[in-house]
Amino acid sequence: MTARRRVAAALAAALVLTGAPSARPARACGFDGVFDGNFGVSHPLAMAVAVAMRQAVMDEVLPASAVAPIVAGPAGLWQTTARIHALARGLGLAVPGDQRGFALHLADSGLWARLTPSPAGLVAEIHIDGPRPGEAIMVTHGAVLERLVATRMSAAEALDHGLVAFDGAEDVVAALRQRLVISDETGAAAAPADLRQRLPWRAGGRSTAP
């Protein structure tokens, strides 16, 4: 079975098992120490990405450490926040002026974030309750996010192995995929910022500009 067919099978299984995304927001994540790994509660595609991660390890696309438990608590959340800001900068540099934002979900931690267009580029809001109705969603894994912003994995490779998945209107999803690939091709992804001196966010989510 090819990688694409494996991903398609995983997506189909996830949708059958979980049905439509729950209207109830995912208020907690693994960094809070309470996320129980119930992917169906967060988003159906989280299960598909988790399956794709396991397959990528089996295929030696990723090392076994990629599916190790997350670093819980503030330390892990600071690291992930920095990487989300790096992703936002990279996507903003890839297609300047694109006014389509989206929600970002990490399958391993259950963390939700939002990348919103602003005059200065995409602004990240971390630890939100979940996506807004009709909002486009990008689902991936913390280990994949780390590799993308550090240019240790190409966006094209991540997409091909189902390690990044999208949900939303077809035209918006196509534009997001294009931005991700362009940021990869142009090397637009910037190194994560040092956020250790920033004030901590709150569970309701807050914008933390890069």
N, C-alpha and C. Protein backbone atom coordinates (compact mmCIF):
# COMPACT_ATOMS: atom_id res chain seq x y z
N MET A 1 0.85 -1.20 0.00
CA MET A 1 0.00 0.00 0.00
C MET A 1 0.88 1.24 0.00
N THR A 2 0.60 2.19 -0.89
CA THR A 2 1.39 3.40 -0.96
C THR A 2 1.11 4.30 0.22
N ALA A 3 2.01 5.30 0.41
CA ALA A 3 1.83 6.23 1.53
C ALA A 3 0.51 6.96 1.41
N ARG A 4 0.16 7.39 0.20
CA ARG A 4 -1.09 8.12 0.02
C ARG A 4 -2.30 7.25 0.35
N ARG A 5 -2.25 5.97 -0.05
CA ARG A 5 -3.38 5.10 0.24
C ARG A 5 -3.48 4.81 1.73
N ARG A 6 -2.32 4.69 2.42
CA ARG A 6 -2.36 4.49 3.87
C ARG A 6 -3.00 5.68 4.56
N VAL A 7 -2.63 6.88 4.10
CA VAL A 7 -3.20 8.09 4.69
C VAL A 7 -4.69 8.16 4.45
N ALA A 8 -5.11 7.82 3.21
CA ALA A 8 -6.53 7.85 2.89
C ALA A 8 -7.30 6.87 3.77
N ALA A 9 -6.72 5.69 4.00
CA ALA A 9 -7.38 4.71 4.85
C ALA A 9 -7.48 5.20 6.28
N ALA A 10 -6.42 5.87 6.75
CA ALA A 10 -6.43 6.41 8.11
C ALA A 10 -7.48 7.49 8.25
N LEU A 11 -7.60 8.34 7.24
CA LEU A 11 -8.60 9.40 7.28
C LEU A 11 -10.01 8.81 7.32
N ALA A 12 -10.24 7.80 6.49
CA ALA A 12 -11.56 7.18 6.45
C ALA A 12 -11.89 6.54 7.79
N ALA A 13 -10.90 5.87 8.38
CA ALA A 13 -11.14 5.23 9.68
C ALA A 13 -11.44 6.27 10.75
N ALA A 14 -10.71 7.38 10.70
CA ALA A 14 -10.92 8.43 11.71
C ALA A 14 -12.32 9.01 11.60
N LEU A 15 -12.78 9.24 10.39
CA LEU A 15 -14.09 9.83 10.20
C LEU A 15 -15.20 8.87 10.61
N VAL A 16 -14.99 7.58 10.34
CA VAL A 16 -15.99 6.60 10.73
C VAL A 16 -16.08 6.50 12.24
N LEU A 17 -14.94 6.53 12.92
CA LEU A 17 -14.91 6.35 14.36
C LEU A 17 -15.38 7.57 15.13
N THR A 18 -15.14 8.75 14.56
CA THR A 18 -15.40 9.96 15.33
C THR A 18 -16.57 10.76 14.82
N GLY A 19 -16.94 10.60 13.55
CA GLY A 19 -18.03 11.40 13.00
C GLY A 19 -17.58 12.83 12.81
N ALA A 20 -18.53 13.77 12.83
CA ALA A 20 -18.22 15.18 12.62
C ALA A 20 -17.49 15.72 13.82
N PRO A 21 -16.70 16.82 13.64
CA PRO A 21 -16.00 17.43 14.76
C PRO A 21 -16.99 17.84 15.85
N SER A 22 -16.60 17.63 17.10
CA SER A 22 -17.46 17.99 18.21
C SER A 22 -17.60 19.49 18.33
N ALA A 23 -18.81 19.94 18.67
CA ALA A 23 -19.04 21.36 18.86
C ALA A 23 -18.44 21.83 20.18
N ARG A 24 -18.12 20.90 21.06
CA ARG A 24 -17.55 21.25 22.35
C ARG A 24 -16.07 21.55 22.19
N PRO A 25 -15.58 22.72 22.60
CA PRO A 25 -14.19 23.07 22.40
C PRO A 25 -13.26 22.25 23.28
N ALA A 26 -12.04 22.03 22.79
CA ALA A 26 -11.02 21.33 23.57
C ALA A 26 -10.31 22.36 24.42
N ARG A 27 -10.71 22.51 25.68
CA ARG A 27 -10.22 23.59 26.52
C ARG A 27 -8.87 23.27 27.16
N ALA A 28 -8.53 22.00 27.27
CA ALA A 28 -7.27 21.64 27.91
C ALA A 28 -6.39 20.88 26.93
N CYS A 29 -5.09 20.86 27.21
CA CYS A 29 -4.17 20.14 26.32
C CYS A 29 -3.16 19.39 27.16
N GLY A 30 -2.28 18.66 26.50
CA GLY A 30 -1.29 17.86 27.19
C GLY A 30 -0.32 18.67 28.02
N PHE A 31 -0.11 19.92 27.67
CA PHE A 31 0.79 20.77 28.44
C PHE A 31 0.19 21.13 29.79
N ASP A 32 -1.14 21.03 29.90
CA ASP A 32 -1.82 21.24 31.18
C ASP A 32 -1.78 19.99 32.05
N GLY A 33 -1.36 18.88 31.45
CA GLY A 33 -1.29 17.63 32.19
C GLY A 33 -2.60 16.88 32.30
N VAL A 34 -3.61 17.28 31.47
CA VAL A 34 -4.93 16.63 31.59
C VAL A 34 -5.43 16.06 30.27
N PHE A 35 -4.70 16.24 29.18
CA PHE A 35 -5.16 15.72 27.89
C PHE A 35 -5.04 14.20 27.91
N ASP A 36 -6.12 13.50 27.59
CA ASP A 36 -6.13 12.04 27.74
C ASP A 36 -5.90 11.29 26.45
N GLY A 37 -5.57 11.99 25.36
CA GLY A 37 -5.28 11.31 24.11
C GLY A 37 -6.51 10.90 23.34
N ASN A 38 -7.69 11.37 23.73
CA ASN A 38 -8.92 11.03 23.01
C ASN A 38 -9.03 11.94 21.80
N PHE A 39 -8.44 11.50 20.67
CA PHE A 39 -8.33 12.34 19.49
C PHE A 39 -9.69 12.74 18.95
N GLY A 40 -10.71 11.88 19.11
CA GLY A 40 -12.02 12.20 18.59
C GLY A 40 -12.63 13.42 19.24
N VAL A 41 -12.24 13.73 20.48
CA VAL A 41 -12.78 14.89 21.17
C VAL A 41 -12.19 16.17 20.57
N SER A 42 -10.94 16.13 20.16
CA SER A 42 -10.29 17.33 19.66
C SER A 42 -10.64 17.61 18.20
N HIS A 43 -10.36 16.67 17.32
CA HIS A 43 -10.71 16.79 15.90
C HIS A 43 -10.48 15.44 15.23
N PRO A 44 -11.36 15.01 14.34
CA PRO A 44 -11.20 13.70 13.70
C PRO A 44 -9.85 13.53 13.00
N LEU A 45 -9.32 14.58 12.40
CA LEU A 45 -8.06 14.45 11.67
C LEU A 45 -6.87 14.22 12.60
N ALA A 46 -7.03 14.50 13.90
CA ALA A 46 -5.94 14.26 14.84
C ALA A 46 -5.60 12.77 14.89
N MET A 47 -6.63 11.93 14.82
CA MET A 47 -6.39 10.49 14.81
C MET A 47 -5.66 10.07 13.55
N ALA A 48 -6.06 10.63 12.40
CA ALA A 48 -5.41 10.30 11.14
C ALA A 48 -3.94 10.70 11.16
N VAL A 49 -3.64 11.86 11.72
CA VAL A 49 -2.25 12.31 11.81
C VAL A 49 -1.46 11.40 12.75
N ALA A 50 -2.09 10.99 13.86
CA ALA A 50 -1.41 10.08 14.78
C ALA A 50 -1.08 8.76 14.11
N VAL A 51 -2.01 8.23 13.32
CA VAL A 51 -1.76 6.99 12.58
C VAL A 51 -0.64 7.20 11.56
N ALA A 52 -0.65 8.34 10.87
CA ALA A 52 0.38 8.64 9.89
C ALA A 52 1.75 8.76 10.56
N MET A 53 1.79 9.30 11.78
CA MET A 53 3.06 9.39 12.51
C MET A 53 3.63 8.01 12.78
N ARG A 54 2.79 7.11 13.24
CA ARG A 54 3.25 5.74 13.52
C ARG A 54 3.76 5.08 12.24
N GLN A 55 3.06 5.29 11.14
CA GLN A 55 3.48 4.70 9.87
C GLN A 55 4.81 5.30 9.41
N ALA A 56 4.98 6.62 9.62
CA ALA A 56 6.23 7.27 9.23
C ALA A 56 7.41 6.73 10.02
N VAL A 57 7.17 6.39 11.28
CA VAL A 57 8.23 5.78 12.09
C VAL A 57 8.55 4.39 11.56
N MET A 58 7.51 3.62 11.23
CA MET A 58 7.72 2.27 10.68
C MET A 58 8.47 2.33 9.36
N ASP A 59 8.19 3.35 8.55
CA ASP A 59 8.85 3.50 7.26
C ASP A 59 10.21 4.19 7.37
N GLU A 60 10.62 4.52 8.60
CA GLU A 60 11.89 5.19 8.88
C GLU A 60 11.97 6.58 8.25
N VAL A 61 10.80 7.18 8.03
CA VAL A 61 10.77 8.58 7.61
C VAL A 61 11.05 9.46 8.82
N LEU A 62 10.59 9.01 9.99
CA LEU A 62 10.81 9.70 11.25
C LEU A 62 11.45 8.74 12.25
N PRO A 63 12.25 9.27 13.17
CA PRO A 63 12.81 8.39 14.21
C PRO A 63 11.75 8.05 15.25
N ALA A 64 11.99 7.01 16.02
CA ALA A 64 11.05 6.60 17.06
C ALA A 64 10.82 7.71 18.08
N SER A 65 11.81 8.56 18.28
CA SER A 65 11.67 9.65 19.25
C SER A 65 10.58 10.64 18.86
N ALA A 66 10.17 10.65 17.59
CA ALA A 66 9.15 11.59 17.13
C ALA A 66 7.80 11.34 17.78
N VAL A 67 7.57 10.10 18.24
CA VAL A 67 6.29 9.79 18.87
C VAL A 67 6.45 9.59 20.38
N ALA A 68 7.54 10.10 20.93
CA ALA A 68 7.74 10.04 22.37
C ALA A 68 6.75 10.98 23.05
N PRO A 69 6.45 10.79 24.32
CA PRO A 69 5.55 11.68 25.03
C PRO A 69 6.04 13.13 24.98
N ILE A 70 5.11 14.07 25.00
CA ILE A 70 5.46 15.48 24.95
C ILE A 70 6.11 15.91 26.25
N VAL A 71 6.81 17.02 26.21
CA VAL A 71 7.34 17.64 27.42
C VAL A 71 6.19 18.45 28.03
N ALA A 72 5.61 17.95 29.10
CA ALA A 72 4.44 18.61 29.69
C ALA A 72 4.84 19.85 30.47
N GLY A 73 3.85 20.67 30.77
CA GLY A 73 4.09 21.85 31.59
C GLY A 73 4.57 23.05 30.80
N PRO A 74 4.96 24.12 31.49
CA PRO A 74 5.36 25.36 30.83
C PRO A 74 6.52 25.20 29.86
N ALA A 75 7.49 24.33 30.19
CA ALA A 75 8.66 24.17 29.31
C ALA A 75 8.24 23.70 27.93
N GLY A 76 7.41 22.68 27.88
CA GLY A 76 6.95 22.18 26.59
C GLY A 76 6.09 23.18 25.85
N LEU A 77 5.26 23.90 26.60
CA LEU A 77 4.38 24.88 25.96
C LEU A 77 5.16 26.07 25.41
N TRP A 78 6.20 26.51 26.12
CA TRP A 78 7.04 27.59 25.60
C TRP A 78 7.70 27.17 24.28
N GLN A 79 8.24 25.95 24.25
CA GLN A 79 8.89 25.47 23.03
C GLN A 79 7.91 25.45 21.86
N THR A 80 6.74 24.91 22.11
CA THR A 80 5.75 24.80 21.04
C THR A 80 5.26 26.17 20.61
N THR A 81 5.08 27.08 21.55
CA THR A 81 4.67 28.45 21.22
C THR A 81 5.68 29.11 20.29
N ALA A 82 6.96 28.96 20.59
CA ALA A 82 8.01 29.53 19.74
C ALA A 82 7.94 28.96 18.33
N ARG A 83 7.66 27.66 18.22
CA ARG A 83 7.59 27.03 16.90
C ARG A 83 6.37 27.49 16.12
N ILE A 84 5.26 27.72 16.82
CA ILE A 84 4.06 28.23 16.15
C ILE A 84 4.32 29.64 15.61
N HIS A 85 5.00 30.46 16.39
CA HIS A 85 5.35 31.79 15.90
C HIS A 85 6.27 31.71 14.68
N ALA A 86 7.20 30.76 14.69
CA ALA A 86 8.09 30.59 13.55
C ALA A 86 7.31 30.17 12.31
N LEU A 87 6.34 29.28 12.49
CA LEU A 87 5.48 28.88 11.38
C LEU A 87 4.71 30.08 10.84
N ALA A 88 4.17 30.90 11.75
CA ALA A 88 3.41 32.08 11.34
C ALA A 88 4.29 33.03 10.53
N ARG A 89 5.52 33.25 10.97
CA ARG A 89 6.42 34.13 10.22
C ARG A 89 6.74 33.56 8.85
N GLY A 90 6.98 32.24 8.80
CA GLY A 90 7.31 31.62 7.53
C GLY A 90 6.18 31.70 6.53
N LEU A 91 4.95 31.43 6.98
CA LEU A 91 3.80 31.48 6.08
C LEU A 91 3.52 32.92 5.64
N GLY A 92 3.74 33.87 6.54
CA GLY A 92 3.53 35.26 6.19
C GLY A 92 4.52 35.75 5.15
N LEU A 93 5.75 35.28 5.27
CA LEU A 93 6.78 35.66 4.30
C LEU A 93 6.57 34.97 2.96
N ALA A 94 5.96 33.79 3.00
CA ALA A 94 5.77 33.01 1.77
C ALA A 94 4.81 33.71 0.81
N VAL A 95 3.71 34.20 1.35
CA VAL A 95 2.70 34.86 0.51
C VAL A 95 2.26 36.14 1.24
N PRO A 96 3.03 37.22 1.14
CA PRO A 96 2.67 38.45 1.83
C PRO A 96 1.31 38.96 1.36
N GLY A 97 0.54 39.45 2.31
CA GLY A 97 -0.76 40.04 1.97
C GLY A 97 -1.91 39.06 1.92
N ASP A 98 -1.64 37.76 2.03
CA ASP A 98 -2.72 36.77 2.04
C ASP A 98 -3.51 36.94 3.34
N GLN A 99 -4.79 37.22 3.24
CA GLN A 99 -5.60 37.55 4.41
C GLN A 99 -6.39 36.38 4.96
N ARG A 100 -5.99 35.16 4.66
CA ARG A 100 -6.71 34.00 5.17
C ARG A 100 -6.00 33.40 6.36
N GLY A 101 -6.62 33.50 7.53
CA GLY A 101 -6.08 32.89 8.72
C GLY A 101 -6.63 31.48 8.89
N PHE A 102 -6.23 30.81 9.95
CA PHE A 102 -6.71 29.44 10.19
C PHE A 102 -6.42 29.04 11.62
N ALA A 103 -7.06 27.96 12.05
CA ALA A 103 -6.79 27.37 13.35
C ALA A 103 -5.78 26.25 13.17
N LEU A 104 -4.89 26.10 14.13
CA LEU A 104 -3.86 25.07 14.12
C LEU A 104 -4.10 24.12 15.29
N HIS A 105 -4.04 22.83 15.00
CA HIS A 105 -4.23 21.83 16.05
C HIS A 105 -3.10 20.83 16.03
N LEU A 106 -2.55 20.53 17.21
CA LEU A 106 -1.47 19.55 17.33
C LEU A 106 -2.02 18.26 17.91
N ALA A 107 -1.88 17.16 17.16
CA ALA A 107 -2.50 15.89 17.53
C ALA A 107 -1.89 15.29 18.78
N ASP A 108 -0.62 15.53 19.04
CA ASP A 108 0.03 14.87 20.18
C ASP A 108 -0.33 15.52 21.50
N SER A 109 -0.50 16.82 21.52
CA SER A 109 -0.78 17.54 22.77
C SER A 109 -2.23 17.97 22.91
N GLY A 110 -2.96 18.03 21.80
CA GLY A 110 -4.31 18.55 21.83
C GLY A 110 -4.37 20.06 21.86
N LEU A 111 -3.24 20.73 21.67
CA LEU A 111 -3.19 22.19 21.72
C LEU A 111 -3.85 22.81 20.48
N TRP A 112 -4.65 23.85 20.71
CA TRP A 112 -5.23 24.64 19.64
C TRP A 112 -4.60 26.02 19.63
N ALA A 113 -4.37 26.55 18.44
CA ALA A 113 -3.87 27.92 18.28
C ALA A 113 -4.58 28.53 17.08
N ARG A 114 -4.48 29.83 16.94
CA ARG A 114 -5.07 30.51 15.78
C ARG A 114 -4.05 31.45 15.17
N LEU A 115 -3.90 31.41 13.85
CA LEU A 115 -3.02 32.32 13.13
C LEU A 115 -3.90 33.30 12.37
N THR A 116 -3.84 34.57 12.77
CA THR A 116 -4.73 35.59 12.25
C THR A 116 -3.94 36.65 11.49
N PRO A 117 -4.39 37.02 10.29
CA PRO A 117 -3.69 38.06 9.52
C PRO A 117 -3.74 39.41 10.24
N SER A 118 -2.66 40.18 10.12
CA SER A 118 -2.58 41.53 10.64
C SER A 118 -1.67 42.33 9.72
N PRO A 119 -1.62 43.65 9.83
CA PRO A 119 -0.70 44.44 8.98
C PRO A 119 0.74 44.00 9.11
N ALA A 120 1.09 43.42 10.26
CA ALA A 120 2.47 42.98 10.48
C ALA A 120 2.71 41.54 10.06
N GLY A 121 1.66 40.87 9.54
CA GLY A 121 1.78 39.47 9.17
C GLY A 121 0.86 38.62 10.01
N LEU A 122 1.06 37.32 9.99
CA LEU A 122 0.23 36.42 10.79
C LEU A 122 0.57 36.55 12.27
N VAL A 123 -0.44 36.70 13.10
CA VAL A 123 -0.27 36.79 14.55
C VAL A 123 -0.83 35.53 15.18
N ALA A 124 -0.07 34.92 16.07
CA ALA A 124 -0.48 33.67 16.70
C ALA A 124 -1.17 33.91 18.03
N GLU A 125 -2.30 33.25 18.21
CA GLU A 125 -3.02 33.24 19.48
C GLU A 125 -2.93 31.82 20.00
N ILE A 126 -2.33 31.63 21.16
CA ILE A 126 -2.00 30.31 21.67
C ILE A 126 -2.99 29.84 22.71
N HIS A 127 -3.24 28.53 22.72
CA HIS A 127 -4.07 27.88 23.74
C HIS A 127 -5.51 28.41 23.70
N ILE A 128 -6.10 28.37 22.52
CA ILE A 128 -7.49 28.79 22.36
C ILE A 128 -8.40 27.61 22.65
N ASP A 129 -9.71 27.88 22.73
CA ASP A 129 -10.68 26.82 23.05
C ASP A 129 -10.94 25.88 21.88
N GLY A 130 -10.68 26.33 20.66
CA GLY A 130 -10.95 25.50 19.49
C GLY A 130 -11.25 26.38 18.29
N PRO A 131 -11.56 25.79 17.16
CA PRO A 131 -11.83 26.58 15.95
C PRO A 131 -13.19 27.26 16.00
N ARG A 132 -13.29 28.35 15.26
CA ARG A 132 -14.58 29.01 15.09
C ARG A 132 -15.39 28.27 14.03
N PRO A 133 -16.71 28.40 14.05
CA PRO A 133 -17.53 27.74 13.02
C PRO A 133 -17.09 28.14 11.62
N GLY A 134 -16.84 27.16 10.77
CA GLY A 134 -16.44 27.42 9.40
C GLY A 134 -14.99 27.79 9.20
N GLU A 135 -14.21 27.85 10.28
CA GLU A 135 -12.80 28.24 10.17
C GLU A 135 -11.97 27.08 9.61
N ALA A 136 -11.03 27.41 8.72
CA ALA A 136 -10.13 26.39 8.19
C ALA A 136 -9.20 25.91 9.30
N ILE A 137 -8.84 24.63 9.23
CA ILE A 137 -8.04 24.01 10.29
C ILE A 137 -6.85 23.28 9.66
N MET A 138 -5.70 23.46 10.26
CA MET A 138 -4.50 22.70 9.91
C MET A 138 -4.17 21.80 11.10
N VAL A 139 -4.07 20.50 10.86
CA VAL A 139 -3.78 19.54 11.92
C VAL A 139 -2.43 18.90 11.63
N THR A 140 -1.56 18.90 12.62
CA THR A 140 -0.27 18.24 12.47
C THR A 140 0.17 17.72 13.84
N HIS A 141 1.44 17.45 14.00
CA HIS A 141 1.99 16.87 15.22
C HIS A 141 3.13 17.77 15.69
N GLY A 142 3.35 17.84 16.99
CA GLY A 142 4.40 18.70 17.51
C GLY A 142 5.77 18.39 16.94
N ALA A 143 6.07 17.10 16.75
CA ALA A 143 7.38 16.72 16.20
C ALA A 143 7.51 17.14 14.75
N VAL A 144 6.41 17.14 14.02
CA VAL A 144 6.44 17.59 12.63
C VAL A 144 6.61 19.11 12.58
N LEU A 145 5.88 19.82 13.44
CA LEU A 145 6.04 21.27 13.51
C LEU A 145 7.48 21.65 13.80
N GLU A 146 8.08 20.95 14.74
CA GLU A 146 9.48 21.21 15.08
C GLU A 146 10.39 21.04 13.86
N ARG A 147 10.17 19.97 13.11
CA ARG A 147 11.03 19.70 11.95
C ARG A 147 10.77 20.68 10.80
N LEU A 148 9.53 21.10 10.64
CA LEU A 148 9.22 22.05 9.57
C LEU A 148 9.91 23.39 9.80
N VAL A 149 9.80 23.93 11.03
CA VAL A 149 10.37 25.26 11.28
C VAL A 149 11.89 25.22 11.35
N ALA A 150 12.45 24.05 11.64
CA ALA A 150 13.91 23.91 11.67
C ALA A 150 14.46 23.44 10.32
N THR A 151 13.58 23.35 9.30
CA THR A 151 13.91 22.88 7.95
C THR A 151 14.57 21.51 7.97
N ARG A 152 14.17 20.66 8.92
CA ARG A 152 14.65 19.29 8.97
C ARG A 152 13.72 18.34 8.24
N MET A 153 12.57 18.85 7.82
CA MET A 153 11.62 18.11 6.99
C MET A 153 10.94 19.10 6.07
N SER A 154 10.77 18.71 4.82
CA SER A 154 10.11 19.61 3.87
C SER A 154 8.60 19.53 4.04
N ALA A 155 7.94 20.62 3.69
CA ALA A 155 6.48 20.64 3.73
C ALA A 155 5.91 19.60 2.77
N ALA A 156 6.54 19.47 1.61
CA ALA A 156 6.07 18.50 0.62
C ALA A 156 6.13 17.08 1.18
N GLU A 157 7.21 16.75 1.90
CA GLU A 157 7.35 15.42 2.49
C GLU A 157 6.30 15.20 3.57
N ALA A 158 6.08 16.20 4.41
CA ALA A 158 5.08 16.08 5.46
C ALA A 158 3.69 15.87 4.89
N LEU A 159 3.37 16.61 3.84
CA LEU A 159 2.06 16.47 3.20
C LEU A 159 1.92 15.10 2.55
N ASP A 160 2.96 14.65 1.89
CA ASP A 160 2.92 13.38 1.17
C ASP A 160 2.67 12.21 2.12
N HIS A 161 3.19 12.30 3.34
CA HIS A 161 3.04 11.21 4.31
C HIS A 161 1.84 11.42 5.24
N GLY A 162 1.03 12.43 4.96
CA GLY A 162 -0.16 12.64 5.77
C GLY A 162 0.13 13.19 7.16
N LEU A 163 1.30 13.80 7.34
CA LEU A 163 1.68 14.33 8.65
C LEU A 163 1.14 15.73 8.87
N VAL A 164 0.57 16.32 7.83
CA VAL A 164 -0.16 17.58 7.91
C VAL A 164 -1.46 17.36 7.17
N ALA A 165 -2.56 17.71 7.81
CA ALA A 165 -3.88 17.54 7.19
C ALA A 165 -4.68 18.82 7.37
N PHE A 166 -5.64 19.04 6.48
CA PHE A 166 -6.44 20.26 6.50
C PHE A 166 -7.92 19.93 6.49
N ASP A 167 -8.69 20.82 7.08
CA ASP A 167 -10.14 20.72 7.06
C ASP A 167 -10.68 22.12 6.79
N GLY A 168 -11.66 22.21 5.89
CA GLY A 168 -12.24 23.51 5.58
C GLY A 168 -12.67 23.59 4.13
N ALA A 169 -13.07 24.78 3.73
CA ALA A 169 -13.49 24.99 2.35
C ALA A 169 -12.35 24.67 1.39
N GLU A 170 -12.69 24.09 0.26
CA GLU A 170 -11.69 23.59 -0.68
C GLU A 170 -10.72 24.68 -1.13
N ASP A 171 -11.22 25.88 -1.43
CA ASP A 171 -10.34 26.93 -1.92
C ASP A 171 -9.40 27.43 -0.83
N VAL A 172 -9.89 27.49 0.39
CA VAL A 172 -9.05 27.95 1.50
C VAL A 172 -7.98 26.92 1.81
N VAL A 173 -8.36 25.65 1.83
CA VAL A 173 -7.41 24.58 2.08
C VAL A 173 -6.33 24.55 1.00
N ALA A 174 -6.73 24.72 -0.26
CA ALA A 174 -5.75 24.74 -1.35
C ALA A 174 -4.76 25.88 -1.17
N ALA A 175 -5.25 27.04 -0.73
CA ALA A 175 -4.37 28.19 -0.52
C ALA A 175 -3.40 27.94 0.64
N LEU A 176 -3.89 27.29 1.70
CA LEU A 176 -3.03 27.00 2.85
C LEU A 176 -1.94 26.00 2.47
N ARG A 177 -2.31 24.98 1.72
CA ARG A 177 -1.31 24.01 1.26
C ARG A 177 -0.25 24.70 0.40
N GLN A 178 -0.69 25.61 -0.47
CA GLN A 178 0.23 26.32 -1.33
C GLN A 178 1.19 27.18 -0.51
N ARG A 179 0.66 27.86 0.49
CA ARG A 179 1.51 28.71 1.33
C ARG A 179 2.55 27.87 2.06
N LEU A 180 2.14 26.71 2.53
CA LEU A 180 3.06 25.84 3.26
C LEU A 180 4.19 25.37 2.36
N VAL A 181 3.84 24.96 1.14
CA VAL A 181 4.86 24.49 0.20
C VAL A 181 5.77 25.63 -0.23
N ILE A 182 5.20 26.82 -0.48
CA ILE A 182 6.01 27.96 -0.88
C ILE A 182 6.99 28.34 0.22
N SER A 183 6.52 28.32 1.48
CA SER A 183 7.42 28.65 2.58
C SER A 183 8.58 27.66 2.64
N ASP A 184 8.30 26.41 2.28
CA ASP A 184 9.34 25.38 2.24
C ASP A 184 10.31 25.65 1.10
N GLU A 185 9.79 25.97 -0.07
CA GLU A 185 10.63 26.18 -1.25
C GLU A 185 11.50 27.43 -1.13
N THR A 186 10.98 28.47 -0.46
CA THR A 186 11.72 29.72 -0.35
C THR A 186 12.57 29.80 0.91
N GLY A 187 12.43 28.78 1.76
CA GLY A 187 13.18 28.81 3.01
C GLY A 187 12.70 29.93 3.92
N ALA A 188 11.40 30.23 3.84
CA ALA A 188 10.88 31.38 4.58
C ALA A 188 10.74 31.12 6.07
N ALA A 189 10.67 29.86 6.48
CA ALA A 189 10.49 29.57 7.90
C ALA A 189 11.67 30.09 8.69
N ALA A 190 11.37 30.86 9.72
CA ALA A 190 12.42 31.46 10.54
C ALA A 190 12.65 30.63 11.79
N ALA A 191 13.82 30.80 12.39
CA ALA A 191 14.12 30.07 13.62
C ALA A 191 13.18 30.52 14.72
N PRO A 192 12.78 29.60 15.60
CA PRO A 192 11.86 29.97 16.67
C PRO A 192 12.43 31.08 17.53
N ALA A 193 11.55 32.01 17.92
CA ALA A 193 11.97 33.10 18.79
C ALA A 193 12.15 32.60 20.22
N ASP A 194 12.97 33.31 20.99
CA ASP A 194 13.14 32.99 22.39
C ASP A 194 12.03 33.70 23.16
N LEU A 195 11.08 32.92 23.68
CA LEU A 195 9.91 33.49 24.36
C LEU A 195 10.01 33.38 25.87
N ARG A 196 11.18 33.07 26.40
CA ARG A 196 11.28 32.81 27.83
C ARG A 196 10.96 34.03 28.68
N GLN A 197 11.14 35.24 28.14
CA GLN A 197 10.88 36.44 28.91
C GLN A 197 9.46 36.97 28.72
N ARG A 198 8.65 36.30 27.91
CA ARG A 198 7.28 36.75 27.69
C ARG A 198 6.39 36.38 28.86
N LEU A 199 5.33 37.15 29.05
CA LEU A 199 4.36 36.81 30.07
C LEU A 199 3.62 35.55 29.64
N PRO A 200 3.27 34.67 30.59
CA PRO A 200 2.53 33.45 30.22
C PRO A 200 1.15 33.79 29.71
N TRP A 201 0.62 32.94 28.82
CA TRP A 201 -0.72 33.10 28.29
C TRP A 201 -1.72 32.57 29.29
N ARG A 202 -2.97 32.76 29.00
CA ARG A 202 -4.04 32.22 29.84
C ARG A 202 -4.79 31.15 29.05
N ALA A 203 -5.54 30.33 29.76
CA ALA A 203 -6.22 29.20 29.12
C ALA A 203 -7.18 29.66 28.04
N GLY A 204 -7.71 30.87 28.17
CA GLY A 204 -8.65 31.35 27.17
C GLY A 204 -7.99 31.77 25.88
N GLY A 205 -6.66 31.80 25.87
CA GLY A 205 -5.93 32.17 24.67
C GLY A 205 -5.60 33.65 24.69
N ARG A 206 -4.42 34.00 24.18
CA ARG A 206 -4.05 35.40 24.06
C ARG A 206 -3.07 35.53 22.91
N SER A 207 -3.08 36.68 22.26
CA SER A 207 -2.16 36.91 21.17
C SER A 207 -0.77 37.19 21.72
N THR A 208 0.22 36.55 21.12
CA THR A 208 1.60 36.82 21.49
C THR A 208 2.36 37.07 20.21
N ALA A 209 2.54 38.32 19.85
CA ALA A 209 3.15 38.68 18.57
C ALA A 209 4.59 38.23 18.54
N PRO A 210 5.09 37.83 17.36
CA PRO A 210 6.48 37.36 17.27
C PRO A 210 7.45 38.50 17.48
